[in-house]
Amino acid sequence: MTEMTTSHPFAQRLQGSPESRLLYADQATGAELLCIPEVEEQTEHYLAIEHGDSADRGMLTGALGGGGTFIACFAIALLLDGDMYSGGRILLVTLVMVMAPFLWEVLRPMPLPILLNRRTRELYFEQDGELYHSPWDGIAAAAYTFGTVGPYTAGMRHASLEALLHRYGHPPEQVLINLGSPISKSLEMQLGFWEYLRTYMDKGPWFDEQGNHTESDAFIQSLLEVRKSKGQSVRLYWGLLKEEYKANNGRNFLSYGDLVLVIGSILLLPVRTLQNFTYAIAKRRARSQWPTLVKERLRPDGPSSRLIDLERAAGQDG
């Protein structure tokens, strides 16, 4: 499945890779559309792809806060029993268990997402306070497979989807980024995601399973529902039980496994709720850290000029 074009910036890098594809913004790969979980937001004007360890943000707060919820219930029982001293101390410890990791995770810098801007047709990435970008038209990208071998696992195959960007104001300084995690993904999956990005930029913001433009966002929201449903397993399993109840006319519909799933999801509800809340606060705070050049171009009425246009204008003026 290897395809090489010597003029492509990735051509030399991918020589010797058994399965690889050079990718172009204006050329279809033939793969079916595929959205990956790393897509955290999709709007009329931009698409955000989760980057770095941001996916774990809120996990510590959820774990400690979830445990603290049950401890707080014990403290309330002591208070109702008249033991104000013990109950108050336990509640104070519970508050610290929740607030300390919450403040740490919210205030700690969060990796900014990779952004695709439909209005200006360009891609943004931030690293160590530096802004990198690339115009979508003519972007250098490639997908290829690679293997890993761990001490406790057999050999595993993965596939990477990479794009080449350059630092704003310093074109010779380039960076190679992964458009989503490569772990446990196949080449076909990465090609399908590339087609998803192409469709968003060319026919979006909303489209159907075949990639045809639509005025409704129903299909897109159904794809993003997997991510949004994190922490809503109680509603999911309860809905499945209701369907089984109707299908069996209320007889022998509840299995031991169903009961375990419902009870387990209820016990994990405080954990997931706190994790999602912490993630949302940290994400909102991080988004304000984008450079003004990016933030104003994400607005519906923002400038339509690309960053590469600004660089060229600055070069001519210099």
C-alpha atoms as a PDB file:
ATOM      1  CA  MET A   1       0.000   0.000   0.000  1.00  0.00           C
ATOM      2  CA  THR A   2       3.081   2.192  -0.129  1.00  0.00           C
ATOM      3  CA  GLU A   3       2.790   5.299  -2.276  1.00  0.00           C
ATOM      4  CA  MET A   4       5.777   7.574  -2.837  1.00  0.00           C
ATOM      5  CA  THR A   5       6.208  10.866  -4.620  1.00  0.00           C
ATOM      6  CA  THR A   6       9.733  12.236  -4.517  1.00  0.00           C
ATOM      7  CA  SER A   7       8.518  15.838  -4.365  1.00  0.00           C
ATOM      8  CA  HIS A   8       6.495  15.229  -1.194  1.00  0.00           C
ATOM      9  CA  PRO A   9       8.242  16.431   2.040  1.00  0.00           C
ATOM     10  CA  PHE A  10       7.645  13.013   3.657  1.00  0.00           C
ATOM     11  CA  ALA A  11       8.933  10.953   0.712  1.00  0.00           C
ATOM     12  CA  GLN A  12      12.421  10.345   2.078  1.00  0.00           C
ATOM     13  CA  ARG A  13      11.187   9.821   5.631  1.00  0.00           C
ATOM     14  CA  LEU A  14       8.808   7.039   4.595  1.00  0.00           C
ATOM     15  CA  GLN A  15      11.198   5.143   2.361  1.00  0.00           C
ATOM     16  CA  GLY A  16      11.395   1.605   3.672  1.00  0.00           C
ATOM     17  CA  SER A  17       8.071   1.767   5.498  1.00  0.00           C
ATOM     18  CA  PRO A  18       6.088  -1.301   4.355  1.00  0.00           C
ATOM     19  CA  GLU A  19       2.714   0.430   4.673  1.00  0.00           C
ATOM     20  CA  SER A  20       2.515   4.160   4.177  1.00  0.00           C
ATOM     21  CA  ARG A  21       0.559   6.797   2.289  1.00  0.00           C
ATOM     22  CA  LEU A  22       1.478  10.339   1.365  1.00  0.00           C
ATOM     23  CA  LEU A  23      -1.561  12.514   1.908  1.00  0.00           C
ATOM     24  CA  TYR A  24      -2.855  15.564   0.072  1.00  0.00           C
ATOM     25  CA  ALA A  25      -5.622  17.969   1.015  1.00  0.00           C
ATOM     26  CA  ASP A  26      -7.094  17.847  -2.497  1.00  0.00           C
ATOM     27  CA  GLN A  27      -6.801  14.084  -3.126  1.00  0.00           C
ATOM     28  CA  ALA A  28      -9.091  11.400  -1.719  1.00  0.00           C
ATOM     29  CA  THR A  29      -7.594   8.254  -0.182  1.00  0.00           C
ATOM     30  CA  GLY A  30     -10.590   6.037  -0.941  1.00  0.00           C
ATOM     31  CA  ALA A  31     -11.042   5.168   2.753  1.00  0.00           C
ATOM     32  CA  GLU A  32     -14.399   5.429   4.529  1.00  0.00           C
ATOM     33  CA  LEU A  33     -15.003   8.399   6.806  1.00  0.00           C
ATOM     34  CA  LEU A  34     -13.970   7.759  10.398  1.00  0.00           C
ATOM     35  CA  CYS A  35     -14.081  10.058  13.413  1.00  0.00           C
ATOM     36  CA  ILE A  36     -11.711   9.306  16.304  1.00  0.00           C
ATOM     37  CA  PRO A  37     -12.314   9.896  20.047  1.00  0.00           C
ATOM     38  CA  GLU A  38      -9.611  12.586  20.121  1.00  0.00           C
ATOM     39  CA  VAL A  39     -11.960  14.982  18.308  1.00  0.00           C
ATOM     40  CA  GLU A  40     -13.201  16.937  21.311  1.00  0.00           C
ATOM     41  CA  GLU A  41     -15.157  19.679  19.554  1.00  0.00           C
ATOM     42  CA  GLN A  42     -16.506  20.434  16.089  1.00  0.00           C
ATOM     43  CA  THR A  43     -18.212  23.704  15.216  1.00  0.00           C
ATOM     44  CA  GLU A  44     -19.103  25.618  12.080  1.00  0.00           C
ATOM     45  CA  HIS A  45     -15.738  27.349  12.085  1.00  0.00           C
ATOM     46  CA  TYR A  46     -13.182  25.042  13.703  1.00  0.00           C
ATOM     47  CA  LEU A  47     -12.440  21.456  14.726  1.00  0.00           C
ATOM     48  CA  ALA A  48     -10.375  20.692  17.851  1.00  0.00           C
ATOM     49  CA  ILE A  49      -8.287  17.532  18.275  1.00  0.00           C
ATOM     50  CA  GLU A  50      -7.169  16.579  21.766  1.00  0.00           C
ATOM     51  CA  HIS A  51      -3.414  16.602  22.177  1.00  0.00           C
ATOM     52  CA  GLY A  52      -0.895  15.357  24.735  1.00  0.00           C
ATOM     53  CA  ASP A  53      -1.965  14.273  28.211  1.00  0.00           C
ATOM     54  CA  SER A  54      -5.045  16.505  28.277  1.00  0.00           C
ATOM     55  CA  ALA A  55      -7.272  13.413  28.042  1.00  0.00           C
ATOM     56  CA  ASP A  56      -6.265  12.489  31.606  1.00  0.00           C
ATOM     57  CA  ARG A  57      -7.105  15.889  33.037  1.00  0.00           C
ATOM     58  CA  GLY A  58      -9.663  15.529  35.833  1.00  0.00           C
ATOM     59  CA  MET A  59      -8.924  11.859  36.468  1.00  0.00           C
ATOM     60  CA  LEU A  60      -7.157  12.468  39.797  1.00  0.00           C
ATOM     61  CA  THR A  61      -9.885  14.803  41.018  1.00  0.00           C
ATOM     62  CA  GLY A  62     -12.526  12.281  40.023  1.00  0.00           C
ATOM     63  CA  ALA A  63     -10.786   9.386  41.754  1.00  0.00           C
ATOM     64  CA  LEU A  64     -10.113  11.205  45.035  1.00  0.00           C
ATOM     65  CA  GLY A  65     -13.351  13.149  44.923  1.00  0.00           C
ATOM     66  CA  GLY A  66     -15.368  10.033  44.204  1.00  0.00           C
ATOM     67  CA  GLY A  67     -13.887   8.324  47.221  1.00  0.00           C
ATOM     68  CA  GLY A  68     -14.424  11.487  49.230  1.00  0.00           C
ATOM     69  CA  THR A  69     -18.126  11.397  48.373  1.00  0.00           C
ATOM     70  CA  PHE A  70     -18.600   8.131  50.239  1.00  0.00           C
ATOM     71  CA  ILE A  71     -16.524   9.405  53.158  1.00  0.00           C
ATOM     72  CA  ALA A  72     -18.700  12.525  53.249  1.00  0.00           C
ATOM     73  CA  CYS A  73     -21.781  10.324  53.543  1.00  0.00           C
ATOM     74  CA  PHE A  74     -20.217   8.696  56.607  1.00  0.00           C
ATOM     75  CA  ALA A  75     -19.451  12.135  58.055  1.00  0.00           C
ATOM     76  CA  ILE A  76     -23.033  13.280  57.544  1.00  0.00           C
ATOM     77  CA  ALA A  77     -24.224  10.176  59.380  1.00  0.00           C
ATOM     78  CA  LEU A  78     -22.002  11.132  62.330  1.00  0.00           C
ATOM     79  CA  LEU A  79     -23.343  14.692  62.295  1.00  0.00           C
ATOM     80  CA  LEU A  80     -26.927  13.451  62.298  1.00  0.00           C
ATOM     81  CA  ASP A  81     -25.994  11.214  65.200  1.00  0.00           C
ATOM     82  CA  GLY A  82     -24.799  14.250  67.143  1.00  0.00           C
ATOM     83  CA  ASP A  83     -21.044  13.688  66.794  1.00  0.00           C
ATOM     84  CA  MET A  84     -20.242  17.177  65.517  1.00  0.00           C
ATOM     85  CA  TYR A  85     -16.518  16.983  66.231  1.00  0.00           C
ATOM     86  CA  SER A  86     -15.780  13.765  64.323  1.00  0.00           C
ATOM     87  CA  GLY A  87     -18.238  14.543  61.555  1.00  0.00           C
ATOM     88  CA  GLY A  88     -16.824  18.044  61.055  1.00  0.00           C
ATOM     89  CA  ARG A  89     -13.226  16.823  60.904  1.00  0.00           C
ATOM     90  CA  ILE A  90     -14.083  14.129  58.384  1.00  0.00           C
ATOM     91  CA  LEU A  91     -15.930  16.656  56.220  1.00  0.00           C
ATOM     92  CA  LEU A  92     -12.898  18.943  56.327  1.00  0.00           C
ATOM     93  CA  VAL A  93     -10.628  16.101  55.210  1.00  0.00           C
ATOM     94  CA  THR A  94     -13.080  15.298  52.420  1.00  0.00           C
ATOM     95  CA  LEU A  95     -13.063  18.911  51.255  1.00  0.00           C
ATOM     96  CA  VAL A  96      -9.264  18.899  51.074  1.00  0.00           C
ATOM     97  CA  MET A  97      -9.329  15.585  49.181  1.00  0.00           C
ATOM     98  CA  VAL A  98     -11.473  17.187  46.498  1.00  0.00           C
ATOM     99  CA  MET A  99     -10.223  20.781  46.348  1.00  0.00           C
ATOM    100  CA  ALA A 100      -6.472  20.095  46.378  1.00  0.00           C
ATOM    101  CA  PRO A 101      -6.391  17.935  43.209  1.00  0.00           C
ATOM    102  CA  PHE A 102      -9.109  20.082  41.595  1.00  0.00           C
ATOM    103  CA  LEU A 103      -7.089  23.293  41.946  1.00  0.00           C
ATOM    104  CA  TRP A 104      -3.905  21.522  40.859  1.00  0.00           C
ATOM    105  CA  GLU A 105      -5.489  20.121  37.705  1.00  0.00           C
ATOM    106  CA  VAL A 106      -7.338  23.323  36.801  1.00  0.00           C
ATOM    107  CA  LEU A 107      -4.425  25.703  37.388  1.00  0.00           C
ATOM    108  CA  ARG A 108      -1.742  23.496  35.853  1.00  0.00           C
ATOM    109  CA  PRO A 109      -1.100  24.345  32.173  1.00  0.00           C
ATOM    110  CA  MET A 110      -3.120  22.092  29.875  1.00  0.00           C
ATOM    111  CA  PRO A 111      -1.885  21.149  26.381  1.00  0.00           C
ATOM    112  CA  LEU A 112      -3.870  23.117  23.834  1.00  0.00           C
ATOM    113  CA  PRO A 113      -5.691  21.117  21.154  1.00  0.00           C
ATOM    114  CA  ILE A 114      -4.734  20.964  17.504  1.00  0.00           C
ATOM    115  CA  LEU A 115      -7.110  23.285  15.650  1.00  0.00           C
ATOM    116  CA  LEU A 116      -8.363  23.174  12.069  1.00  0.00           C
ATOM    117  CA  ASN A 117      -9.862  26.494  11.025  1.00  0.00           C
ATOM    118  CA  ARG A 118     -12.439  26.189   8.213  1.00  0.00           C
ATOM    119  CA  ARG A 119     -12.726  29.936   7.694  1.00  0.00           C
ATOM    120  CA  THR A 120      -9.053  30.534   6.983  1.00  0.00           C
ATOM    121  CA  ARG A 121      -8.288  26.943   5.903  1.00  0.00           C
ATOM    122  CA  GLU A 122      -5.281  26.429   8.141  1.00  0.00           C
ATOM    123  CA  LEU A 123      -4.077  24.324  11.061  1.00  0.00           C
ATOM    124  CA  TYR A 124      -2.735  25.597  14.407  1.00  0.00           C
ATOM    125  CA  PHE A 125      -0.589  23.943  17.058  1.00  0.00           C
ATOM    126  CA  GLU A 126       1.036  25.316  20.219  1.00  0.00           C
ATOM    127  CA  GLN A 127       4.133  23.903  21.902  1.00  0.00           C
ATOM    128  CA  ASP A 128       6.182  25.428  24.723  1.00  0.00           C
ATOM    129  CA  GLY A 129       4.597  28.801  24.152  1.00  0.00           C
ATOM    130  CA  GLU A 130       5.420  28.827  20.431  1.00  0.00           C
ATOM    131  CA  LEU A 131       2.759  28.908  17.700  1.00  0.00           C
ATOM    132  CA  TYR A 132       3.079  26.547  14.742  1.00  0.00           C
ATOM    133  CA  HIS A 133       0.812  26.494  11.717  1.00  0.00           C
ATOM    134  CA  SER A 134       0.284  25.309   8.169  1.00  0.00           C
ATOM    135  CA  PRO A 135      -2.165  26.272   5.424  1.00  0.00           C
ATOM    136  CA  TRP A 136      -4.538  23.370   4.786  1.00  0.00           C
ATOM    137  CA  ASP A 137      -4.156  23.613   1.020  1.00  0.00           C
ATOM    138  CA  GLY A 138      -0.786  22.072   0.252  1.00  0.00           C
ATOM    139  CA  ILE A 139      -0.263  20.684   3.752  1.00  0.00           C
ATOM    140  CA  ALA A 140       2.428  17.996   4.111  1.00  0.00           C
ATOM    141  CA  ALA A 141       0.964  14.884   5.781  1.00  0.00           C
ATOM    142  CA  ALA A 142       1.453  11.122   5.806  1.00  0.00           C
ATOM    143  CA  ALA A 143       0.101   7.960   7.396  1.00  0.00           C
ATOM    144  CA  TYR A 144       2.268   4.918   8.086  1.00  0.00           C
ATOM    145  CA  THR A 145       2.372   1.828  10.277  1.00  0.00           C
ATOM    146  CA  PHE A 146       4.933   0.863  12.900  1.00  0.00           C
ATOM    147  CA  GLY A 147       5.325  -1.830  15.539  1.00  0.00           C
ATOM    148  CA  THR A 148       6.117  -1.887  19.251  1.00  0.00           C
ATOM    149  CA  VAL A 149       7.229  -4.687  21.563  1.00  0.00           C
ATOM    150  CA  GLY A 150       6.837  -4.363  25.331  1.00  0.00           C
ATOM    151  CA  PRO A 151       8.207  -6.479  28.205  1.00  0.00           C
ATOM    152  CA  TYR A 152       4.702  -7.719  29.077  1.00  0.00           C
ATOM    153  CA  THR A 153       3.082  -7.674  25.642  1.00  0.00           C
ATOM    154  CA  ALA A 154       3.690  -9.285  22.300  1.00  0.00           C
ATOM    155  CA  GLY A 155       4.391  -7.227  19.208  1.00  0.00           C
ATOM    156  CA  MET A 156       1.690  -4.701  18.422  1.00  0.00           C
ATOM    157  CA  ARG A 157       0.988  -2.742  15.244  1.00  0.00           C
ATOM    158  CA  HIS A 158       0.025   0.919  15.255  1.00  0.00           C
ATOM    159  CA  ALA A 159      -0.480   3.602  12.647  1.00  0.00           C
ATOM    160  CA  SER A 160       0.462   7.244  12.796  1.00  0.00           C
ATOM    161  CA  LEU A 161      -1.119  10.210  11.007  1.00  0.00           C
ATOM    162  CA  GLU A 162       1.394  13.056  10.939  1.00  0.00           C
ATOM    163  CA  ALA A 163       1.460  16.597   9.583  1.00  0.00           C
ATOM    164  CA  LEU A 164       4.319  19.045   9.121  1.00  0.00           C
ATOM    165  CA  LEU A 165       3.981  22.580  10.471  1.00  0.00           C
ATOM    166  CA  HIS A 166       6.357  25.517  10.838  1.00  0.00           C
ATOM    167  CA  ARG A 167       6.814  28.069  13.589  1.00  0.00           C
ATOM    168  CA  TYR A 168       5.013  31.361  13.067  1.00  0.00           C
ATOM    169  CA  GLY A 169       7.474  33.994  11.965  1.00  0.00           C
ATOM    170  CA  HIS A 170      10.293  31.435  11.638  1.00  0.00           C
ATOM    171  CA  PRO A 171       9.471  29.174   8.647  1.00  0.00           C
ATOM    172  CA  PRO A 172      12.750  27.165   8.803  1.00  0.00           C
ATOM    173  CA  GLU A 173      11.775  25.886  12.279  1.00  0.00           C
ATOM    174  CA  GLN A 174       9.427  22.954  11.707  1.00  0.00           C
ATOM    175  CA  VAL A 175       7.605  20.472  13.907  1.00  0.00           C
ATOM    176  CA  LEU A 176       6.019  17.097  13.152  1.00  0.00           C
ATOM    177  CA  ILE A 177       2.755  16.408  14.991  1.00  0.00           C
ATOM    178  CA  ASN A 178       0.412  13.454  15.343  1.00  0.00           C
ATOM    179  CA  LEU A 179      -3.206  14.210  14.438  1.00  0.00           C
ATOM    180  CA  GLY A 180      -4.539  12.049  17.252  1.00  0.00           C
ATOM    181  CA  SER A 181      -3.013   9.129  19.095  1.00  0.00           C
ATOM    182  CA  PRO A 182      -1.437   6.419  16.903  1.00  0.00           C
ATOM    183  CA  ILE A 183      -1.821   3.688  19.552  1.00  0.00           C
ATOM    184  CA  SER A 184      -3.842   0.652  18.414  1.00  0.00           C
ATOM    185  CA  LYS A 185      -4.954   2.339  15.206  1.00  0.00           C
ATOM    186  CA  SER A 186      -4.645   0.748  11.775  1.00  0.00           C
ATOM    187  CA  LEU A 187      -3.591   2.438   8.566  1.00  0.00           C
ATOM    188  CA  GLU A 188      -7.164   2.265   7.283  1.00  0.00           C
ATOM    189  CA  MET A 189      -8.413   4.008  10.420  1.00  0.00           C
ATOM    190  CA  GLN A 190      -5.932   6.845   9.987  1.00  0.00           C
ATOM    191  CA  LEU A 191      -6.800   7.194   6.306  1.00  0.00           C
ATOM    192  CA  GLY A 192     -10.475   7.286   7.273  1.00  0.00           C
ATOM    193  CA  PHE A 193      -9.790  10.071   9.743  1.00  0.00           C
ATOM    194  CA  TRP A 194      -7.873  11.996   7.099  1.00  0.00           C
ATOM    195  CA  GLU A 195     -10.949  11.717   4.877  1.00  0.00           C
ATOM    196  CA  TYR A 196     -13.043  12.999   7.798  1.00  0.00           C
ATOM    197  CA  LEU A 197     -10.803  16.066   8.090  1.00  0.00           C
ATOM    198  CA  ARG A 198     -10.863  16.632   4.315  1.00  0.00           C
ATOM    199  CA  THR A 199     -14.657  16.436   4.302  1.00  0.00           C
ATOM    200  CA  TYR A 200     -14.933  18.851   7.213  1.00  0.00           C
ATOM    201  CA  MET A 201     -12.692  21.403   5.512  1.00  0.00           C
ATOM    202  CA  ASP A 202     -14.193  21.039   2.030  1.00  0.00           C
ATOM    203  CA  LYS A 203     -17.870  20.140   2.546  1.00  0.00           C
ATOM    204  CA  GLY A 204     -18.499  20.836   6.215  1.00  0.00           C
ATOM    205  CA  PRO A 205     -19.181  21.763   8.787  1.00  0.00           C
ATOM    206  CA  TRP A 206     -21.953  19.151   8.714  1.00  0.00           C
ATOM    207  CA  PHE A 207     -22.087  16.084   6.483  1.00  0.00           C
ATOM    208  CA  ASP A 208     -23.547  12.582   6.355  1.00  0.00           C
ATOM    209  CA  GLU A 209     -22.002   9.082   6.358  1.00  0.00           C
ATOM    210  CA  GLN A 210     -21.078   9.379   2.685  1.00  0.00           C
ATOM    211  CA  GLY A 211     -19.431  12.761   3.148  1.00  0.00           C
ATOM    212  CA  ASN A 212     -22.206  14.732   1.474  1.00  0.00           C
ATOM    213  CA  HIS A 213     -22.914  18.219   2.823  1.00  0.00           C
ATOM    214  CA  THR A 214     -26.031  18.590   4.972  1.00  0.00           C
ATOM    215  CA  GLU A 215     -27.590  21.449   6.916  1.00  0.00           C
ATOM    216  CA  SER A 216     -28.127  19.230   9.947  1.00  0.00           C
ATOM    217  CA  ASP A 217     -25.433  18.354  12.488  1.00  0.00           C
ATOM    218  CA  ALA A 218     -27.248  15.157  13.556  1.00  0.00           C
ATOM    219  CA  PHE A 219     -24.674  12.748  12.104  1.00  0.00           C
ATOM    220  CA  ILE A 220     -21.709  14.651  13.523  1.00  0.00           C
ATOM    221  CA  GLN A 221     -23.289  14.904  16.960  1.00  0.00           C
ATOM    222  CA  SER A 222     -23.986  11.166  16.931  1.00  0.00           C
ATOM    223  CA  LEU A 223     -20.258  10.555  16.355  1.00  0.00           C
ATOM    224  CA  LEU A 224     -19.263  12.939  19.130  1.00  0.00           C
ATOM    225  CA  GLU A 225     -21.831  11.400  21.486  1.00  0.00           C
ATOM    226  CA  VAL A 226     -19.354   8.646  22.373  1.00  0.00           C
ATOM    227  CA  ARG A 227     -17.085  11.244  23.910  1.00  0.00           C
ATOM    228  CA  LYS A 228     -19.911  13.241  25.476  1.00  0.00           C
ATOM    229  CA  SER A 229     -21.437  10.117  27.035  1.00  0.00           C
ATOM    230  CA  LYS A 230     -18.417   9.603  29.297  1.00  0.00           C
ATOM    231  CA  GLY A 231     -19.805   9.603  32.808  1.00  0.00           C
ATOM    232  CA  GLN A 232     -23.365   8.900  31.633  1.00  0.00           C
ATOM    233  CA  SER A 233     -23.174   5.118  31.853  1.00  0.00           C
ATOM    234  CA  VAL A 234     -26.068   5.027  34.339  1.00  0.00           C
ATOM    235  CA  ARG A 235     -28.423   6.466  31.729  1.00  0.00           C
ATOM    236  CA  LEU A 236     -26.969   4.164  29.068  1.00  0.00           C
ATOM    237  CA  TYR A 237     -27.386   0.935  31.041  1.00  0.00           C
ATOM    238  CA  TRP A 238     -30.783   1.958  32.367  1.00  0.00           C
ATOM    239  CA  GLY A 239     -31.938   2.556  28.816  1.00  0.00           C
ATOM    240  CA  LEU A 240     -30.708  -0.901  27.790  1.00  0.00           C
ATOM    241  CA  LEU A 241     -32.594  -2.484  30.698  1.00  0.00           C
ATOM    242  CA  LYS A 242     -35.792  -0.725  29.652  1.00  0.00           C
ATOM    243  CA  GLU A 243     -35.392  -2.081  26.135  1.00  0.00           C
ATOM    244  CA  GLU A 244     -34.843  -5.627  27.450  1.00  0.00           C
ATOM    245  CA  TYR A 245     -37.868  -5.232  29.739  1.00  0.00           C
ATOM    246  CA  LYS A 246     -40.091  -4.324  26.795  1.00  0.00           C
ATOM    247  CA  ALA A 247     -38.635  -7.017  24.551  1.00  0.00           C
ATOM    248  CA  ASN A 248     -39.309  -9.734  27.160  1.00  0.00           C
ATOM    249  CA  ASN A 249     -42.649  -8.328  28.336  1.00  0.00           C
ATOM    250  CA  GLY A 250     -41.230  -7.838  31.799  1.00  0.00           C
ATOM    251  CA  ARG A 251     -40.198 -11.467  32.306  1.00  0.00           C
ATOM    252  CA  ASN A 252     -36.695 -12.775  32.995  1.00  0.00           C
ATOM    253  CA  PHE A 253     -35.128  -9.651  31.553  1.00  0.00           C
ATOM    254  CA  LEU A 254     -32.687  -8.830  34.371  1.00  0.00           C
ATOM    255  CA  SER A 255     -29.467 -10.818  34.407  1.00  0.00           C
ATOM    256  CA  TYR A 256     -26.707 -10.832  37.010  1.00  0.00           C
ATOM    257  CA  GLY A 257     -24.401  -9.030  34.579  1.00  0.00           C
ATOM    258  CA  ASP A 258     -26.968  -6.274  33.998  1.00  0.00           C
ATOM    259  CA  LEU A 259     -27.308  -5.751  37.735  1.00  0.00           C
ATOM    260  CA  VAL A 260     -23.540  -5.495  38.204  1.00  0.00           C
ATOM    261  CA  LEU A 261     -23.238  -2.948  35.364  1.00  0.00           C
ATOM    262  CA  VAL A 262     -26.002  -0.719  36.727  1.00  0.00           C
ATOM    263  CA  ILE A 263     -24.734  -0.793  40.324  1.00  0.00           C
ATOM    264  CA  GLY A 264     -21.142  -0.258  39.176  1.00  0.00           C
ATOM    265  CA  SER A 265     -22.094   2.720  37.023  1.00  0.00           C
ATOM    266  CA  ILE A 266     -23.995   4.266  39.934  1.00  0.00           C
ATOM    267  CA  LEU A 267     -20.973   3.886  42.232  1.00  0.00           C
ATOM    268  CA  LEU A 268     -18.698   5.461  39.587  1.00  0.00           C
ATOM    269  CA  LEU A 269     -21.093   8.335  38.870  1.00  0.00           C
ATOM    270  CA  PRO A 270     -19.434  10.787  41.338  1.00  0.00           C
ATOM    271  CA  VAL A 271     -16.019   9.933  39.894  1.00  0.00           C
ATOM    272  CA  ARG A 272     -17.051  10.560  36.282  1.00  0.00           C
ATOM    273  CA  THR A 273     -19.027  13.685  37.143  1.00  0.00           C
ATOM    274  CA  LEU A 274     -16.109  15.306  38.962  1.00  0.00           C
ATOM    275  CA  GLN A 275     -13.687  14.261  36.216  1.00  0.00           C
ATOM    276  CA  ASN A 276     -15.839  15.779  33.467  1.00  0.00           C
ATOM    277  CA  PHE A 277     -16.406  18.971  35.459  1.00  0.00           C
ATOM    278  CA  THR A 278     -12.679  19.413  36.131  1.00  0.00           C
ATOM    279  CA  TYR A 279     -11.842  18.744  32.478  1.00  0.00           C
ATOM    280  CA  ALA A 280     -14.382  21.333  31.296  1.00  0.00           C
ATOM    281  CA  ILE A 281     -13.016  24.029  33.626  1.00  0.00           C
ATOM    282  CA  ALA A 282      -9.387  23.295  32.706  1.00  0.00           C
ATOM    283  CA  LYS A 283     -10.227  23.312  28.986  1.00  0.00           C
ATOM    284  CA  ARG A 284     -12.039  26.637  29.201  1.00  0.00           C
ATOM    285  CA  ARG A 285      -9.114  28.192  31.030  1.00  0.00           C
ATOM    286  CA  ALA A 286      -6.599  26.779  28.545  1.00  0.00           C
ATOM    287  CA  ARG A 287      -8.485  28.079  25.488  1.00  0.00           C
ATOM    288  CA  SER A 288      -7.937  31.639  26.695  1.00  0.00           C
ATOM    289  CA  GLN A 289      -4.182  31.077  26.349  1.00  0.00           C
ATOM    290  CA  TRP A 290      -4.224  30.917  22.550  1.00  0.00           C
ATOM    291  CA  PRO A 291      -2.360  33.847  20.936  1.00  0.00           C
ATOM    292  CA  THR A 292      -4.580  36.719  19.827  1.00  0.00           C
ATOM    293  CA  LEU A 293      -3.782  35.900  16.181  1.00  0.00           C
ATOM    294  CA  VAL A 294      -5.520  32.548  16.618  1.00  0.00           C
ATOM    295  CA  LYS A 295      -8.389  33.600  18.885  1.00  0.00           C
ATOM    296  CA  GLU A 296      -9.550  36.360  16.562  1.00  0.00           C
ATOM    297  CA  ARG A 297      -9.498  33.997  13.567  1.00  0.00           C
ATOM    298  CA  LEU A 298     -11.710  31.517  15.405  1.00  0.00           C
ATOM    299  CA  ARG A 299     -14.461  34.109  15.678  1.00  0.00           C
ATOM    300  CA  PRO A 300     -17.191  34.005  13.005  1.00  0.00           C
ATOM    301  CA  ASP A 301     -16.468  37.658  12.171  1.00  0.00           C
ATOM    302  CA  GLY A 302     -12.699  37.430  12.602  1.00  0.00           C
ATOM    303  CA  PRO A 303      -9.981  38.130  10.014  1.00  0.00           C
ATOM    304  CA  SER A 304      -9.949  35.820   7.007  1.00  0.00           C
ATOM    305  CA  SER A 305      -6.233  36.223   6.305  1.00  0.00           C
ATOM    306  CA  ARG A 306      -4.022  33.200   6.927  1.00  0.00           C
ATOM    307  CA  LEU A 307      -0.960  33.307   9.143  1.00  0.00           C
ATOM    308  CA  ILE A 308       1.203  32.427   6.151  1.00  0.00           C
ATOM    309  CA  ASP A 309      -0.186  35.535   4.408  1.00  0.00           C
ATOM    310  CA  LEU A 310       0.889  37.669   7.363  1.00  0.00           C
ATOM    311  CA  GLU A 311       4.363  36.120   7.212  1.00  0.00           C
ATOM    312  CA  ARG A 312       4.681  36.853   3.506  1.00  0.00           C
ATOM    313  CA  ALA A 313       3.493  40.426   3.986  1.00  0.00           C
ATOM    314  CA  ALA A 314       5.981  40.924   6.796  1.00  0.00           C
ATOM    315  CA  GLY A 315       8.737  39.503   4.594  1.00  0.00           C
ATOM    316  CA  GLN A 316       7.928  41.904   1.769  1.00  0.00           C
ATOM    317  CA  ASP A 317       7.826  44.862   4.147  1.00  0.00           C
ATOM    318  CA  GLY A 318      11.186  43.806   5.601  1.00  0.00           C
END
